[in-house]
C-alpha atoms as a PDB file:
ATOM      1  CA  MET A   1      -7.839  16.812  54.632  1.00  0.00           C
ATOM      2  CA  SER A   2      -5.730  18.919  52.268  1.00  0.00           C
ATOM      3  CA  ILE A   3      -6.643  22.468  51.260  1.00  0.00           C
ATOM      4  CA  SER A   4      -7.506  21.205  47.758  1.00  0.00           C
ATOM      5  CA  GLN A   5      -9.779  18.471  49.129  1.00  0.00           C
ATOM      6  CA  HIS A   6     -11.472  20.915  51.493  1.00  0.00           C
ATOM      7  CA  SER A   7     -12.056  23.354  48.618  1.00  0.00           C
ATOM      8  CA  VAL A   8     -13.592  20.615  46.452  1.00  0.00           C
ATOM      9  CA  VAL A   9     -15.902  19.516  49.290  1.00  0.00           C
ATOM     10  CA  ILE A  10     -17.046  23.092  49.985  1.00  0.00           C
ATOM     11  CA  PHE A  11     -17.661  23.774  46.278  1.00  0.00           C
ATOM     12  CA  PHE A  12     -19.606  20.597  45.485  1.00  0.00           C
ATOM     13  CA  LYS A  13     -21.580  20.627  48.728  1.00  0.00           C
ATOM     14  CA  GLY A  14     -22.581  24.224  48.031  1.00  0.00           C
ATOM     15  CA  LEU A  15     -23.434  23.481  44.402  1.00  0.00           C
ATOM     16  CA  THR A  16     -25.506  20.376  45.131  1.00  0.00           C
ATOM     17  CA  ASN A  17     -27.342  22.126  47.970  1.00  0.00           C
ATOM     18  CA  LEU A  18     -28.126  24.951  45.557  1.00  0.00           C
ATOM     19  CA  ILE A  19     -29.752  22.692  42.969  1.00  0.00           C
ATOM     20  CA  CYS A  20     -31.137  20.033  45.352  1.00  0.00           C
ATOM     21  CA  ARG A  21     -32.992  19.727  48.644  1.00  0.00           C
ATOM     22  CA  ILE A  22     -30.977  16.925  50.156  1.00  0.00           C
ATOM     23  CA  HIS A  23     -32.759  14.729  52.699  1.00  0.00           C
ATOM     24  CA  ASP A  24     -29.729  13.132  54.348  1.00  0.00           C
ATOM     25  CA  GLN A  25     -30.932  12.407  57.883  1.00  0.00           C
ATOM     26  CA  GLU A  26     -30.418   8.645  57.552  1.00  0.00           C
ATOM     27  CA  LEU A  27     -26.734   9.116  56.698  1.00  0.00           C
ATOM     28  CA  TYR A  28     -26.138   9.900  60.370  1.00  0.00           C
ATOM     29  CA  SER A  29     -26.655   6.198  61.143  1.00  0.00           C
ATOM     30  CA  ILE A  30     -23.487   5.315  59.203  1.00  0.00           C
ATOM     31  CA  PRO A  31     -20.553   4.506  61.531  1.00  0.00           C
ATOM     32  CA  ALA A  32     -18.054   7.320  62.024  1.00  0.00           C
ATOM     33  CA  HIS A  33     -15.048   4.998  62.246  1.00  0.00           C
ATOM     34  CA  GLY A  34     -13.705   1.789  60.758  1.00  0.00           C
ATOM     35  CA  PRO A  35     -13.551   0.269  57.270  1.00  0.00           C
ATOM     36  CA  LEU A  36     -16.823   0.291  55.381  1.00  0.00           C
ATOM     37  CA  ILE A  37     -18.143  -0.360  51.878  1.00  0.00           C
ATOM     38  CA  ILE A  38     -21.161   1.665  50.832  1.00  0.00           C
ATOM     39  CA  TYR A  39     -22.912   0.488  47.690  1.00  0.00           C
ATOM     40  CA  THR A  40     -25.577   2.535  46.006  1.00  0.00           C
ATOM     41  CA  ASN A  41     -27.770   2.782  42.929  1.00  0.00           C
ATOM     42  CA  HIS A  42     -26.560   4.753  39.907  1.00  0.00           C
ATOM     43  CA  VAL A  43     -28.961   7.237  38.299  1.00  0.00           C
ATOM     44  CA  ASN A  44     -26.856  10.162  37.073  1.00  0.00           C
ATOM     45  CA  VAL A  45     -23.930  12.382  38.071  1.00  0.00           C
ATOM     46  CA  LEU A  46     -25.392  13.510  41.397  1.00  0.00           C
ATOM     47  CA  GLU A  47     -24.951  10.588  43.768  1.00  0.00           C
ATOM     48  CA  ILE A  48     -21.176  10.472  44.212  1.00  0.00           C
ATOM     49  CA  PRO A  49     -20.635  14.208  44.938  1.00  0.00           C
ATOM     50  CA  ILE A  50     -23.658  14.324  47.248  1.00  0.00           C
ATOM     51  CA  ILE A  51     -22.867  11.180  49.216  1.00  0.00           C
ATOM     52  CA  TYR A  52     -19.138  11.972  49.280  1.00  0.00           C
ATOM     53  CA  THR A  53     -19.549  15.499  50.620  1.00  0.00           C
ATOM     54  CA  HIS A  54     -22.274  14.586  53.114  1.00  0.00           C
ATOM     55  CA  LEU A  55     -20.136  11.852  54.669  1.00  0.00           C
ATOM     56  CA  GLN A  56     -17.325  14.239  55.532  1.00  0.00           C
ATOM     57  CA  PRO A  57     -15.180  14.422  57.621  1.00  0.00           C
ATOM     58  CA  ARG A  58     -14.840  10.650  57.129  1.00  0.00           C
ATOM     59  CA  LYS A  59     -12.082   9.569  54.747  1.00  0.00           C
ATOM     60  CA  VAL A  60     -14.047   8.444  51.703  1.00  0.00           C
ATOM     61  CA  HIS A  61     -13.010   7.087  48.307  1.00  0.00           C
ATOM     62  CA  GLY A  62     -15.424   6.902  45.410  1.00  0.00           C
ATOM     63  CA  MET A  63     -14.866   4.222  42.768  1.00  0.00           C
ATOM     64  CA  LEU A  64     -15.521   5.494  39.261  1.00  0.00           C
ATOM     65  CA  LEU A  65     -15.028   4.351  35.669  1.00  0.00           C
ATOM     66  CA  ALA A  66     -11.563   5.333  34.457  1.00  0.00           C
ATOM     67  CA  GLU A  67     -13.019   6.860  31.288  1.00  0.00           C
ATOM     68  CA  ARG A  68     -14.393   9.716  33.415  1.00  0.00           C
ATOM     69  CA  TRP A  69     -10.810  10.962  33.833  1.00  0.00           C
ATOM     70  CA  LYS A  70     -11.002  12.153  30.204  1.00  0.00           C
ATOM     71  CA  ILE A  71     -13.328  14.972  31.297  1.00  0.00           C
ATOM     72  CA  PRO A  72     -11.328  18.222  31.645  1.00  0.00           C
ATOM     73  CA  VAL A  73     -11.163  19.678  35.176  1.00  0.00           C
ATOM     74  CA  MET A  74     -13.047  16.695  36.597  1.00  0.00           C
ATOM     75  CA  ASN A  75      -9.929  14.557  36.229  1.00  0.00           C
ATOM     76  CA  TRP A  76      -8.234  16.947  38.666  1.00  0.00           C
ATOM     77  CA  VAL A  77     -11.212  16.683  41.041  1.00  0.00           C
ATOM     78  CA  PHE A  78     -11.035  12.883  40.953  1.00  0.00           C
ATOM     79  CA  ASP A  79      -7.325  12.939  41.715  1.00  0.00           C
ATOM     80  CA  VAL A  80      -7.691  15.452  44.558  1.00  0.00           C
ATOM     81  CA  THR A  81     -10.466  13.417  46.180  1.00  0.00           C
ATOM     82  CA  GLU A  82      -8.447  10.203  45.753  1.00  0.00           C
ATOM     83  CA  THR A  83     -11.165   8.583  43.661  1.00  0.00           C
ATOM     84  CA  ILE A  84     -10.235   5.066  42.540  1.00  0.00           C
ATOM     85  CA  PRO A  85     -10.439   4.472  38.751  1.00  0.00           C
ATOM     86  CA  LEU A  86     -12.284   1.359  37.603  1.00  0.00           C
ATOM     87  CA  HIS A  87     -11.651  -0.274  34.231  1.00  0.00           C
ATOM     88  CA  ARG A  88     -14.468  -2.186  32.582  1.00  0.00           C
ATOM     89  CA  GLY A  89     -14.111  -5.942  32.871  1.00  0.00           C
ATOM     90  CA  GLU A  90     -14.675  -8.875  35.180  1.00  0.00           C
ATOM     91  CA  ALA A  91     -12.035  -7.983  37.769  1.00  0.00           C
ATOM     92  CA  ASP A  92      -9.933  -4.818  37.785  1.00  0.00           C
ATOM     93  CA  LEU A  93      -7.079  -6.011  39.996  1.00  0.00           C
ATOM     94  CA  PRO A  94      -5.340  -2.607  40.447  1.00  0.00           C
ATOM     95  CA  ALA A  95      -8.653  -1.040  41.539  1.00  0.00           C
ATOM     96  CA  ILE A  96      -9.338  -3.937  43.897  1.00  0.00           C
ATOM     97  CA  ARG A  97      -5.846  -3.563  45.385  1.00  0.00           C
ATOM     98  CA  MET A  98      -6.331   0.193  45.918  1.00  0.00           C
ATOM     99  CA  GLY A  99      -9.720  -0.458  47.488  1.00  0.00           C
ATOM    100  CA  LEU A 100      -8.303  -3.089  49.837  1.00  0.00           C
ATOM    101  CA  GLU A 101      -5.496  -0.745  50.869  1.00  0.00           C
ATOM    102  CA  ALA A 102      -8.021   2.001  51.689  1.00  0.00           C
ATOM    103  CA  LEU A 103     -10.151  -0.404  53.724  1.00  0.00           C
ATOM    104  CA  GLY A 104      -7.008  -1.631  55.486  1.00  0.00           C
ATOM    105  CA  ARG A 105      -6.443   1.946  56.644  1.00  0.00           C
ATOM    106  CA  GLY A 106      -9.951   2.029  58.115  1.00  0.00           C
ATOM    107  CA  GLU A 107     -11.366   4.190  55.316  1.00  0.00           C
ATOM    108  CA  MET A 108     -14.630   4.065  53.394  1.00  0.00           C
ATOM    109  CA  LEU A 109     -15.431   3.117  49.796  1.00  0.00           C
ATOM    110  CA  ILE A 110     -18.470   4.146  47.756  1.00  0.00           C
ATOM    111  CA  ILE A 111     -19.327   2.074  44.707  1.00  0.00           C
ATOM    112  CA  ALA A 112     -22.309   1.834  42.350  1.00  0.00           C
ATOM    113  CA  PRO A 113     -22.292  -1.833  41.235  1.00  0.00           C
ATOM    114  CA  GLU A 114     -24.828  -1.321  38.447  1.00  0.00           C
ATOM    115  CA  GLY A 115     -21.979   0.225  36.465  1.00  0.00           C
ATOM    116  CA  THR A 116     -24.140   2.285  34.117  1.00  0.00           C
ATOM    117  CA  ARG A 117     -26.610   5.063  34.848  1.00  0.00           C
ATOM    118  CA  SER A 118     -30.287   4.152  34.845  1.00  0.00           C
ATOM    119  CA  HIS A 119     -31.464   7.777  34.323  1.00  0.00           C
ATOM    120  CA  ASP A 120     -35.006   6.758  35.375  1.00  0.00           C
ATOM    121  CA  GLY A 121     -34.060   5.615  38.882  1.00  0.00           C
ATOM    122  CA  GLN A 122     -34.973   1.947  38.331  1.00  0.00           C
ATOM    123  CA  LEU A 123     -32.576  -0.606  39.807  1.00  0.00           C
ATOM    124  CA  GLN A 124     -30.654  -2.546  37.169  1.00  0.00           C
ATOM    125  CA  GLY A 125     -28.595  -5.713  37.212  1.00  0.00           C
ATOM    126  CA  ALA A 126     -25.327  -5.311  39.131  1.00  0.00           C
ATOM    127  CA  HIS A 127     -21.745  -6.444  38.524  1.00  0.00           C
ATOM    128  CA  PRO A 128     -20.165  -8.446  41.385  1.00  0.00           C
ATOM    129  CA  GLY A 129     -16.774  -6.715  41.662  1.00  0.00           C
ATOM    130  CA  VAL A 130     -17.671  -5.293  45.071  1.00  0.00           C
ATOM    131  CA  VAL A 131     -18.125  -8.859  46.328  1.00  0.00           C
ATOM    132  CA  LEU A 132     -14.381  -9.499  45.947  1.00  0.00           C
ATOM    133  CA  LEU A 133     -13.584  -6.338  47.906  1.00  0.00           C
ATOM    134  CA  ALA A 134     -15.888  -7.346  50.740  1.00  0.00           C
ATOM    135  CA  LEU A 135     -14.689 -10.952  50.920  1.00  0.00           C
ATOM    136  CA  HIS A 136     -10.980 -10.131  50.834  1.00  0.00           C
ATOM    137  CA  SER A 137     -11.212  -7.223  53.284  1.00  0.00           C
ATOM    138  CA  GLY A 138     -13.818  -8.576  55.695  1.00  0.00           C
ATOM    139  CA  ALA A 139     -15.282  -5.063  55.778  1.00  0.00           C
ATOM    140  CA  PRO A 140     -18.987  -4.535  56.475  1.00  0.00           C
ATOM    141  CA  LEU A 141     -21.305  -3.308  53.738  1.00  0.00           C
ATOM    142  CA  ILE A 142     -24.198  -0.867  53.925  1.00  0.00           C
ATOM    143  CA  PRO A 143     -26.731  -0.283  51.133  1.00  0.00           C
ATOM    144  CA  VAL A 144     -27.490   3.393  50.556  1.00  0.00           C
ATOM    145  CA  GLY A 145     -30.352   4.104  48.194  1.00  0.00           C
ATOM    146  CA  TYR A 146     -31.446   7.402  46.801  1.00  0.00           C
ATOM    147  CA  PHE A 147     -34.324   8.617  44.700  1.00  0.00           C
ATOM    148  CA  GLY A 148     -35.562  11.854  43.196  1.00  0.00           C
ATOM    149  CA  ALA A 149     -32.409  12.422  41.147  1.00  0.00           C
ATOM    150  CA  GLU A 150     -34.147  11.162  38.022  1.00  0.00           C
ATOM    151  CA  ASN A 151     -36.016  14.497  37.957  1.00  0.00           C
ATOM    152  CA  TYR A 152     -32.818  16.549  38.133  1.00  0.00           C
ATOM    153  CA  THR A 153     -32.451  17.485  34.438  1.00  0.00           C
ATOM    154  CA  ALA A 154     -36.103  18.452  33.965  1.00  0.00           C
ATOM    155  CA  ASN A 155     -36.108  20.457  37.198  1.00  0.00           C
ATOM    156  CA  LEU A 156     -32.901  22.255  36.279  1.00  0.00           C
ATOM    157  CA  ARG A 157     -34.454  23.459  33.028  1.00  0.00           C
ATOM    158  CA  LYS A 158     -37.292  24.935  35.086  1.00  0.00           C
ATOM    159  CA  LEU A 159     -34.834  26.432  37.602  1.00  0.00           C
ATOM    160  CA  LYS A 160     -36.452  24.183  40.196  1.00  0.00           C
ATOM    161  CA  ARG A 161     -34.605  22.414  43.020  1.00  0.00           C
ATOM    162  CA  THR A 162     -34.684  18.617  43.074  1.00  0.00           C
ATOM    163  CA  ASP A 163     -35.661  16.658  46.179  1.00  0.00           C
ATOM    164  CA  PHE A 164     -32.857  14.139  46.685  1.00  0.00           C
ATOM    165  CA  HIS A 165     -33.768  11.462  49.248  1.00  0.00           C
ATOM    166  CA  LEU A 166     -31.159   9.175  50.829  1.00  0.00           C
ATOM    167  CA  THR A 167     -32.111   5.934  52.579  1.00  0.00           C
ATOM    168  CA  VAL A 168     -29.757   3.684  54.529  1.00  0.00           C
ATOM    169  CA  GLY A 169     -30.013  -0.056  55.153  1.00  0.00           C
ATOM    170  CA  LYS A 170     -28.573  -2.271  57.879  1.00  0.00           C
ATOM    171  CA  PRO A 171     -24.850  -3.157  57.894  1.00  0.00           C
ATOM    172  CA  PHE A 172     -23.892  -6.734  57.120  1.00  0.00           C
ATOM    173  CA  TYR A 173     -20.892  -8.914  56.286  1.00  0.00           C
ATOM    174  CA  LEU A 174     -20.449 -11.563  53.611  1.00  0.00           C
ATOM    175  CA  ASP A 175     -19.992 -15.155  54.746  1.00  0.00           C
ATOM    176  CA  THR A 176     -19.537 -17.945  52.193  1.00  0.00           C
ATOM    177  CA  ARG A 177     -18.988 -20.575  54.932  1.00  0.00           C
ATOM    178  CA  GLY A 178     -16.060 -22.040  53.026  1.00  0.00           C
ATOM    179  CA  GLU A 179     -17.904 -22.457  49.725  1.00  0.00           C
ATOM    180  CA  GLN A 180     -15.795 -21.973  46.604  1.00  0.00           C
ATOM    181  CA  VAL A 181     -16.478 -18.457  45.314  1.00  0.00           C
ATOM    182  CA  THR A 182     -17.081 -19.068  41.621  1.00  0.00           C
ATOM    183  CA  LYS A 183     -18.359 -16.476  39.162  1.00  0.00           C
ATOM    184  CA  LYS A 184     -21.866 -17.879  39.648  1.00  0.00           C
ATOM    185  CA  VAL A 185     -21.603 -17.616  43.444  1.00  0.00           C
ATOM    186  CA  ARG A 186     -20.330 -14.031  43.222  1.00  0.00           C
ATOM    187  CA  GLN A 187     -23.364 -13.110  41.156  1.00  0.00           C
ATOM    188  CA  ARG A 188     -25.718 -14.799  43.615  1.00  0.00           C
ATOM    189  CA  ILE A 189     -24.120 -12.826  46.443  1.00  0.00           C
ATOM    190  CA  MET A 190     -24.456  -9.619  44.431  1.00  0.00           C
ATOM    191  CA  ASP A 191     -28.140 -10.303  43.806  1.00  0.00           C
ATOM    192  CA  GLU A 192     -28.701 -10.855  47.540  1.00  0.00           C
ATOM    193  CA  MET A 193     -27.003  -7.520  48.178  1.00  0.00           C
ATOM    194  CA  MET A 194     -29.122  -5.746  45.569  1.00  0.00           C
ATOM    195  CA  TYR A 195     -32.320  -7.004  47.184  1.00  0.00           C
ATOM    196  CA  GLN A 196     -31.109  -5.372  50.406  1.00  0.00           C
ATOM    197  CA  LEU A 197     -30.728  -2.139  48.445  1.00  0.00           C
ATOM    198  CA  ALA A 198     -34.190  -2.587  46.934  1.00  0.00           C
ATOM    199  CA  MET A 199     -35.667  -2.926  50.428  1.00  0.00           C
ATOM    200  CA  VAL A 200     -34.643   0.621  51.352  1.00  0.00           C
ATOM    201  CA  MET A 201     -36.062   2.050  48.106  1.00  0.00           C
ATOM    202  CA  PRO A 202     -39.686   2.963  47.409  1.00  0.00           C
ATOM    203  CA  GLU A 203     -41.393   0.174  45.460  1.00  0.00           C
ATOM    204  CA  LYS A 204     -41.553   2.063  42.157  1.00  0.00           C
ATOM    205  CA  TYR A 205     -37.732   2.314  42.032  1.00  0.00           C
ATOM    206  CA  ARG A 206     -36.893  -1.341  42.675  1.00  0.00           C
ATOM    207  CA  GLY A 207     -36.653  -2.256  38.988  1.00  0.00           C
ATOM    208  CA  ILE A 208     -35.597  -5.858  38.358  1.00  0.00           C
ATOM    209  CA  TYR A 209     -35.431  -6.426  42.131  1.00  0.00           C
ATOM    210  CA  ALA A 210     -39.079  -5.470  42.662  1.00  0.00           C
ATOM    211  CA  ASP A 211     -40.186  -8.959  43.742  1.00  0.00           C
ATOM    212  CA  LEU A 212     -38.832  -9.017  47.290  1.00  0.00           C
ATOM    213  CA  SER A 213     -40.194 -12.546  47.795  1.00  0.00           C
ATOM    214  CA  ARG A 214     -37.200 -13.694  45.717  1.00  0.00           C
ATOM    215  CA  SER A 215     -34.686 -12.128  48.097  1.00  0.00           C
ATOM    216  CA  ARG A 216     -32.306 -14.463  49.924  1.00  0.00           C
ATOM    217  CA  MET A 217     -29.769 -14.024  52.712  1.00  0.00           C
ATOM    218  CA  GLU A 218     -27.721 -17.175  52.229  1.00  0.00           C
ATOM    219  CA  TYR A 219     -24.415 -15.279  52.175  1.00  0.00           C
ATOM    220  CA  LEU A 220     -25.297 -12.222  54.251  1.00  0.00           C
ATOM    221  CA  LYS A 221     -24.484 -12.020  57.940  1.00  0.00           C
ATOM    222  CA  PHE A 222     -26.093  -9.181  59.877  1.00  0.00           C
ATOM    223  CA  LYS A 223     -24.671  -7.753  63.076  1.00  0.00           C
END
């Protein structure tokens, strides 16, 4: 880790611990070595810096919309932390290539497949770009859910710390058993993955994935 990266980690870990009580015990179940794709829900600006800093010293790359690089100072932070820029669209091939290269080096990716912030903590429909990364790399996936962050803005106004809870699911691989991976199949796989994320979330945060009786594991292979 470079001096710049270390400084960013120290700063953001200190800042997020100042404004949040972070319940991260379940993160210790995440493997310390080997390629891995973590996918998470997307509520506001808190999840990436918290998850990123609390997974150190593992080599971690967040995947973030390229438009965020327009924010002064933060564009430097994203570059220092080797965050991968994502462009809106069906398949961002440069981002996928960078992600595959990182996984090939045994590193970790963090991605929020919902794409847009929910603000209220409810799970939304997800885009299937992460499916391509998992299929082409063969890397395992782990759902990491979090809740409490939806209260962050209101608590900050009251100078009150926010309880930020992290929950971790079981690792699994994708297996299409030779089936042609069409756009429709990718979305079905993504929905199966999102139900796994919903399972580690309290019921009131499951959003459109609240009905767990609709969950399937046709394409998921657990260790």
